[in-house]
Amino acid sequence: MARIIEDTRQNLVGERVRKYRRLRRMSQQTLSAKLEVLAIYICRGSVSRIEKYTRTVTDIELFGLAQVLGVAVTDLLPAVDGRDKDF
């Protein structure tokens, strides 16, 4: 079965997570701590790996990231037609 994600990337959301985190002037550690309040345990190092596309993201983690970053889940995903919305 073919992979949905091309090359070696492990997720689709890394760049957008970083973008929204930085727009909110939030450190990776702060993002991790805010996720923990939601009972979603992603350590600072894992946030870094998500942003570098080297760690997968579960659906619950994606939901939590969107909640903490104050965006819709769809804002973290690439456009359906393959073109990025704002990159």
N, C-alpha and C. Protein backbone atom coordinates (compact mmCIF):
# COMPACT_ATOMS: atom_id res chain seq x y z
N MET A 1 0.84 -1.18 0.00
CA MET A 1 0.00 0.00 0.00
C MET A 1 0.89 1.24 0.00
N ALA A 2 0.57 2.18 -0.84
CA ALA A 2 1.36 3.41 -0.94
C ALA A 2 1.12 4.30 0.27
N ARG A 3 2.14 5.03 0.64
CA ARG A 3 2.02 6.00 1.74
C ARG A 3 1.36 7.27 1.23
N ILE A 4 0.62 7.90 2.10
CA ILE A 4 -0.02 9.18 1.75
C ILE A 4 1.02 10.28 1.75
N ILE A 5 1.96 10.21 2.67
CA ILE A 5 2.98 11.24 2.82
C ILE A 5 4.20 10.85 1.99
N GLU A 6 4.64 11.76 1.15
CA GLU A 6 5.79 11.49 0.31
C GLU A 6 7.09 11.63 1.09
N ASP A 7 8.16 11.12 0.59
CA ASP A 7 9.52 11.14 1.12
C ASP A 7 9.57 10.58 2.54
N THR A 8 10.34 11.16 3.41
CA THR A 8 10.55 10.59 4.74
C THR A 8 9.76 11.28 5.83
N ARG A 9 8.91 12.23 5.48
CA ARG A 9 8.13 12.93 6.50
C ARG A 9 7.19 11.96 7.22
N GLN A 10 7.05 12.18 8.52
CA GLN A 10 6.21 11.32 9.33
C GLN A 10 4.85 11.94 9.66
N ASN A 11 4.64 13.19 9.27
CA ASN A 11 3.36 13.85 9.51
C ASN A 11 3.14 14.92 8.45
N LEU A 12 1.96 15.50 8.46
CA LEU A 12 1.60 16.55 7.50
C LEU A 12 1.57 17.93 8.11
N VAL A 13 1.72 18.03 9.44
CA VAL A 13 1.40 19.27 10.14
C VAL A 13 2.59 20.02 10.72
N GLY A 14 3.78 19.48 10.63
CA GLY A 14 4.93 20.04 11.32
C GLY A 14 5.17 21.52 11.10
N GLU A 15 5.18 21.95 9.87
CA GLU A 15 5.48 23.35 9.56
C GLU A 15 4.39 24.28 10.10
N ARG A 16 3.15 23.84 10.01
CA ARG A 16 2.05 24.67 10.50
C ARG A 16 2.01 24.74 12.03
N VAL A 17 2.35 23.63 12.69
CA VAL A 17 2.45 23.67 14.15
C VAL A 17 3.48 24.72 14.56
N ARG A 18 4.63 24.67 13.93
CA ARG A 18 5.68 25.66 14.24
C ARG A 18 5.20 27.08 13.95
N LYS A 19 4.57 27.27 12.80
CA LYS A 19 4.09 28.60 12.41
C LYS A 19 3.14 29.17 13.45
N TYR A 20 2.11 28.41 13.81
CA TYR A 20 1.12 28.92 14.76
C TYR A 20 1.70 29.06 16.16
N ARG A 21 2.60 28.17 16.54
CA ARG A 21 3.25 28.29 17.86
C ARG A 21 4.04 29.58 17.93
N ARG A 22 4.79 29.86 16.90
CA ARG A 22 5.60 31.09 16.89
C ARG A 22 4.74 32.34 16.80
N LEU A 23 3.64 32.30 16.05
CA LEU A 23 2.74 33.45 15.98
C LEU A 23 2.18 33.79 17.37
N ARG A 24 2.03 32.78 18.20
CA ARG A 24 1.53 32.99 19.55
C ARG A 24 2.64 33.20 20.56
N ARG A 25 3.86 33.33 20.04
CA ARG A 25 5.04 33.55 20.88
C ARG A 25 5.12 32.51 22.01
N MET A 26 4.92 31.27 21.62
CA MET A 26 4.88 30.17 22.56
C MET A 26 6.12 29.29 22.35
N SER A 27 6.80 28.95 23.42
CA SER A 27 7.93 28.04 23.31
C SER A 27 7.42 26.60 23.13
N GLN A 28 8.30 25.74 22.69
CA GLN A 28 7.94 24.33 22.59
C GLN A 28 7.58 23.78 23.97
N GLN A 29 8.29 24.21 25.00
CA GLN A 29 8.01 23.76 26.36
C GLN A 29 6.63 24.21 26.82
N THR A 30 6.27 25.44 26.51
CA THR A 30 4.95 25.96 26.89
C THR A 30 3.86 25.19 26.16
N LEU A 31 4.06 24.92 24.87
CA LEU A 31 3.09 24.13 24.11
C LEU A 31 2.92 22.76 24.76
N SER A 32 4.01 22.13 25.11
CA SER A 32 3.98 20.83 25.77
C SER A 32 3.19 20.90 27.08
N ALA A 33 3.44 21.92 27.88
CA ALA A 33 2.75 22.07 29.17
C ALA A 33 1.25 22.28 28.99
N LYS A 34 0.87 23.08 27.99
CA LYS A 34 -0.55 23.34 27.74
C LYS A 34 -1.25 22.07 27.24
N LEU A 35 -0.56 21.27 26.47
CA LEU A 35 -1.13 19.99 26.03
C LEU A 35 -1.32 19.05 27.21
N GLU A 36 -0.39 19.07 28.15
CA GLU A 36 -0.48 18.21 29.32
C GLU A 36 -1.74 18.50 30.14
N VAL A 37 -2.15 19.77 30.21
CA VAL A 37 -3.38 20.14 30.91
C VAL A 37 -4.58 19.44 30.28
N LEU A 38 -4.50 19.16 28.98
CA LEU A 38 -5.56 18.45 28.26
C LEU A 38 -5.38 16.94 28.31
N ALA A 39 -4.41 16.49 29.12
CA ALA A 39 -4.06 15.06 29.23
C ALA A 39 -3.51 14.50 27.93
N ILE A 40 -2.80 15.35 27.20
CA ILE A 40 -2.11 14.94 25.98
C ILE A 40 -0.62 15.15 26.25
N TYR A 41 0.10 14.05 26.34
CA TYR A 41 1.48 14.11 26.79
C TYR A 41 2.45 14.05 25.61
N ILE A 42 2.89 15.23 25.21
CA ILE A 42 3.90 15.38 24.16
C ILE A 42 5.01 16.21 24.79
N CYS A 43 6.16 15.61 25.03
CA CYS A 43 7.26 16.34 25.65
C CYS A 43 7.83 17.38 24.68
N ARG A 44 8.63 18.30 25.19
CA ARG A 44 9.22 19.34 24.36
C ARG A 44 10.01 18.75 23.20
N GLY A 45 10.75 17.70 23.47
CA GLY A 45 11.53 17.05 22.41
C GLY A 45 10.64 16.49 21.30
N SER A 46 9.49 15.97 21.68
CA SER A 46 8.56 15.45 20.68
C SER A 46 7.92 16.57 19.88
N VAL A 47 7.67 17.71 20.51
CA VAL A 47 7.18 18.88 19.76
C VAL A 47 8.21 19.23 18.68
N SER A 48 9.47 19.24 19.06
CA SER A 48 10.54 19.54 18.11
C SER A 48 10.54 18.54 16.95
N ARG A 49 10.38 17.26 17.27
CA ARG A 49 10.37 16.23 16.23
C ARG A 49 9.13 16.35 15.33
N ILE A 50 8.00 16.73 15.91
CA ILE A 50 6.81 16.96 15.08
C ILE A 50 7.09 18.09 14.09
N GLU A 51 7.67 19.18 14.59
CA GLU A 51 7.95 20.32 13.72
C GLU A 51 8.99 20.00 12.65
N LYS A 52 9.83 19.01 12.90
CA LYS A 52 10.84 18.59 11.92
C LYS A 52 10.34 17.43 11.06
N TYR A 53 9.08 17.06 11.21
CA TYR A 53 8.45 15.98 10.45
C TYR A 53 9.03 14.60 10.75
N THR A 54 9.68 14.41 11.88
CA THR A 54 10.30 13.11 12.18
C THR A 54 9.52 12.31 13.21
N ARG A 55 8.34 12.78 13.59
CA ARG A 55 7.49 12.05 14.54
C ARG A 55 6.06 12.09 14.03
N THR A 56 5.38 10.97 14.14
CA THR A 56 3.98 10.93 13.74
C THR A 56 3.12 11.67 14.76
N VAL A 57 1.91 12.00 14.35
CA VAL A 57 0.95 12.71 15.21
C VAL A 57 -0.36 11.92 15.18
N THR A 58 -0.85 11.55 16.36
CA THR A 58 -2.12 10.83 16.42
C THR A 58 -3.28 11.81 16.25
N ASP A 59 -4.45 11.27 16.03
CA ASP A 59 -5.62 12.14 15.88
C ASP A 59 -5.90 12.93 17.16
N ILE A 60 -5.74 12.33 18.31
CA ILE A 60 -5.96 13.02 19.58
C ILE A 60 -4.92 14.13 19.75
N GLU A 61 -3.68 13.85 19.39
CA GLU A 61 -2.63 14.87 19.48
C GLU A 61 -2.93 16.03 18.53
N LEU A 62 -3.39 15.72 17.33
CA LEU A 62 -3.73 16.75 16.36
C LEU A 62 -4.85 17.64 16.91
N PHE A 63 -5.86 17.02 17.49
CA PHE A 63 -6.95 17.77 18.10
C PHE A 63 -6.43 18.68 19.21
N GLY A 64 -5.58 18.14 20.08
CA GLY A 64 -5.02 18.93 21.17
C GLY A 64 -4.15 20.07 20.68
N LEU A 65 -3.33 19.82 19.69
CA LEU A 65 -2.49 20.88 19.12
C LEU A 65 -3.36 22.01 18.58
N ALA A 66 -4.42 21.67 17.88
CA ALA A 66 -5.32 22.70 17.34
C ALA A 66 -5.97 23.49 18.48
N GLN A 67 -6.41 22.79 19.52
CA GLN A 67 -7.04 23.45 20.67
C GLN A 67 -6.09 24.45 21.32
N VAL A 68 -4.88 24.00 21.63
CA VAL A 68 -3.91 24.85 22.32
C VAL A 68 -3.47 26.01 21.44
N LEU A 69 -3.32 25.76 20.15
CA LEU A 69 -2.88 26.83 19.24
C LEU A 69 -4.03 27.74 18.81
N GLY A 70 -5.26 27.37 19.16
CA GLY A 70 -6.40 28.22 18.86
C GLY A 70 -6.77 28.26 17.39
N VAL A 71 -6.60 27.13 16.71
CA VAL A 71 -6.92 27.04 15.29
C VAL A 71 -7.79 25.81 15.06
N ALA A 72 -8.39 25.74 13.90
CA ALA A 72 -9.14 24.54 13.51
C ALA A 72 -8.15 23.45 13.10
N VAL A 73 -8.54 22.22 13.29
CA VAL A 73 -7.69 21.10 12.85
C VAL A 73 -7.32 21.27 11.38
N THR A 74 -8.27 21.70 10.58
CA THR A 74 -8.01 21.86 9.14
C THR A 74 -6.95 22.92 8.85
N ASP A 75 -6.77 23.87 9.77
CA ASP A 75 -5.71 24.87 9.58
C ASP A 75 -4.32 24.26 9.68
N LEU A 76 -4.22 23.11 10.34
CA LEU A 76 -2.93 22.44 10.49
C LEU A 76 -2.63 21.50 9.33
N LEU A 77 -3.63 21.21 8.53
CA LEU A 77 -3.47 20.26 7.42
C LEU A 77 -3.29 20.98 6.10
N PRO A 78 -2.61 20.33 5.15
CA PRO A 78 -2.47 20.95 3.83
C PRO A 78 -3.81 20.97 3.11
N ALA A 79 -3.92 21.85 2.14
CA ALA A 79 -5.14 21.95 1.34
C ALA A 79 -5.37 20.65 0.59
N VAL A 80 -6.61 20.32 0.35
CA VAL A 80 -6.97 19.07 -0.33
C VAL A 80 -6.39 19.01 -1.74
N ASP A 81 -6.32 20.13 -2.41
CA ASP A 81 -5.81 20.14 -3.78
C ASP A 81 -4.30 20.08 -3.85
N GLY A 82 -3.65 19.97 -2.68
CA GLY A 82 -2.19 19.86 -2.65
C GLY A 82 -1.46 21.18 -2.55
N ARG A 83 -2.17 22.28 -2.76
CA ARG A 83 -1.54 23.59 -2.65
C ARG A 83 -1.72 24.11 -1.24
N ASP A 84 -0.65 24.61 -0.66
CA ASP A 84 -0.73 25.16 0.68
C ASP A 84 -1.56 26.43 0.68
N LYS A 85 -2.34 26.61 1.73
CA LYS A 85 -3.21 27.77 1.83
C LYS A 85 -2.43 29.05 2.01
N ASP A 86 -1.40 29.02 2.83
CA ASP A 86 -0.70 30.26 3.14
C ASP A 86 0.81 30.10 3.20
N PHE A 87 1.32 29.10 2.50
CA PHE A 87 2.78 28.93 2.45
C PHE A 87 3.23 29.00 1.01
